[in-house]
Protein backbone atom coordinates (compact mmCIF):
# COMPACT_ATOMS: atom_id res chain seq x y z
CA MET A 1 91.90 97.80 83.34
CA ALA A 2 90.03 100.77 85.73
CA THR A 3 90.29 104.12 85.30
CA ILE A 4 90.07 106.70 87.70
CA LYS A 5 89.64 110.47 87.84
CA VAL A 6 92.17 112.50 89.35
CA LYS A 7 91.10 116.48 90.62
CA GLN A 8 93.43 118.78 91.49
CA VAL A 9 91.84 120.03 94.52
CA LYS A 10 94.77 122.22 96.54
CA SER A 11 97.40 125.19 95.00
CA ARG A 12 100.59 123.76 93.21
CA ILE A 13 102.39 127.53 94.39
CA LYS A 14 104.89 126.77 96.83
CA CYS A 15 105.52 123.27 96.29
CA PRO A 16 108.67 121.60 95.16
CA LYS A 17 109.63 121.48 91.55
CA ASP A 18 109.36 117.68 91.48
CA GLN A 19 105.63 117.65 92.91
CA LYS A 20 105.09 120.25 89.93
CA ARG A 21 105.95 117.80 87.34
CA THR A 22 104.10 115.05 88.61
CA LEU A 23 100.64 117.25 88.24
CA ASP A 24 102.10 118.44 84.82
CA ALA A 25 102.70 114.59 84.06
CA LEU A 26 99.22 113.64 85.58
CA GLY A 27 97.79 116.12 83.36
CA LEU A 28 96.80 118.73 85.98
CA ARG A 29 97.48 122.47 85.61
CA LYS A 30 94.32 124.21 87.25
CA MET A 31 93.23 124.28 90.41
CA ASN A 32 90.01 121.58 89.98
CA GLN A 33 90.70 120.29 87.11
CA ILE A 34 89.81 116.54 86.42
CA VAL A 35 91.95 114.14 84.42
CA GLU A 36 91.11 110.45 83.57
CA HIS A 37 93.81 107.84 83.76
CA GLU A 38 94.30 104.01 83.63
CA ALA A 39 94.60 103.00 86.94
CA ASN A 40 98.14 101.51 86.53
CA PRO A 41 101.13 101.25 89.31
CA ALA A 42 102.50 104.33 87.05
CA ILE A 43 99.83 106.43 87.84
CA LEU A 44 99.07 105.16 90.70
CA GLY A 45 102.47 106.23 92.00
CA MET A 46 102.05 109.76 90.69
CA VAL A 47 98.98 109.94 92.46
CA GLU A 48 100.05 108.96 95.80
CA LYS A 49 103.33 111.64 95.31
CA VAL A 50 101.02 114.46 95.15
CA LYS A 51 98.04 113.05 97.24
CA HIS A 52 97.78 116.38 99.32
CA LEU A 53 97.22 118.17 95.88
CA VAL A 54 95.33 116.00 94.72
CA SER A 55 91.94 114.33 95.22
CA VAL A 56 90.55 110.74 93.38
CA VAL A 57 87.07 111.48 92.34
CA LYS A 58 84.20 108.43 91.27
């Protein structure tokens, strides 16, 4: 499968607890942090849930 790089671009402050847990599950804990994941449906669903906080970089 292909891999995607996910970067946190907005702060998690004042976000609901489930969105904070989603960021933790993706491995994002700090601003501008980039993590790499396999592009499977579970990961893509998590990225979709917090799309206003993250961006997918190449």
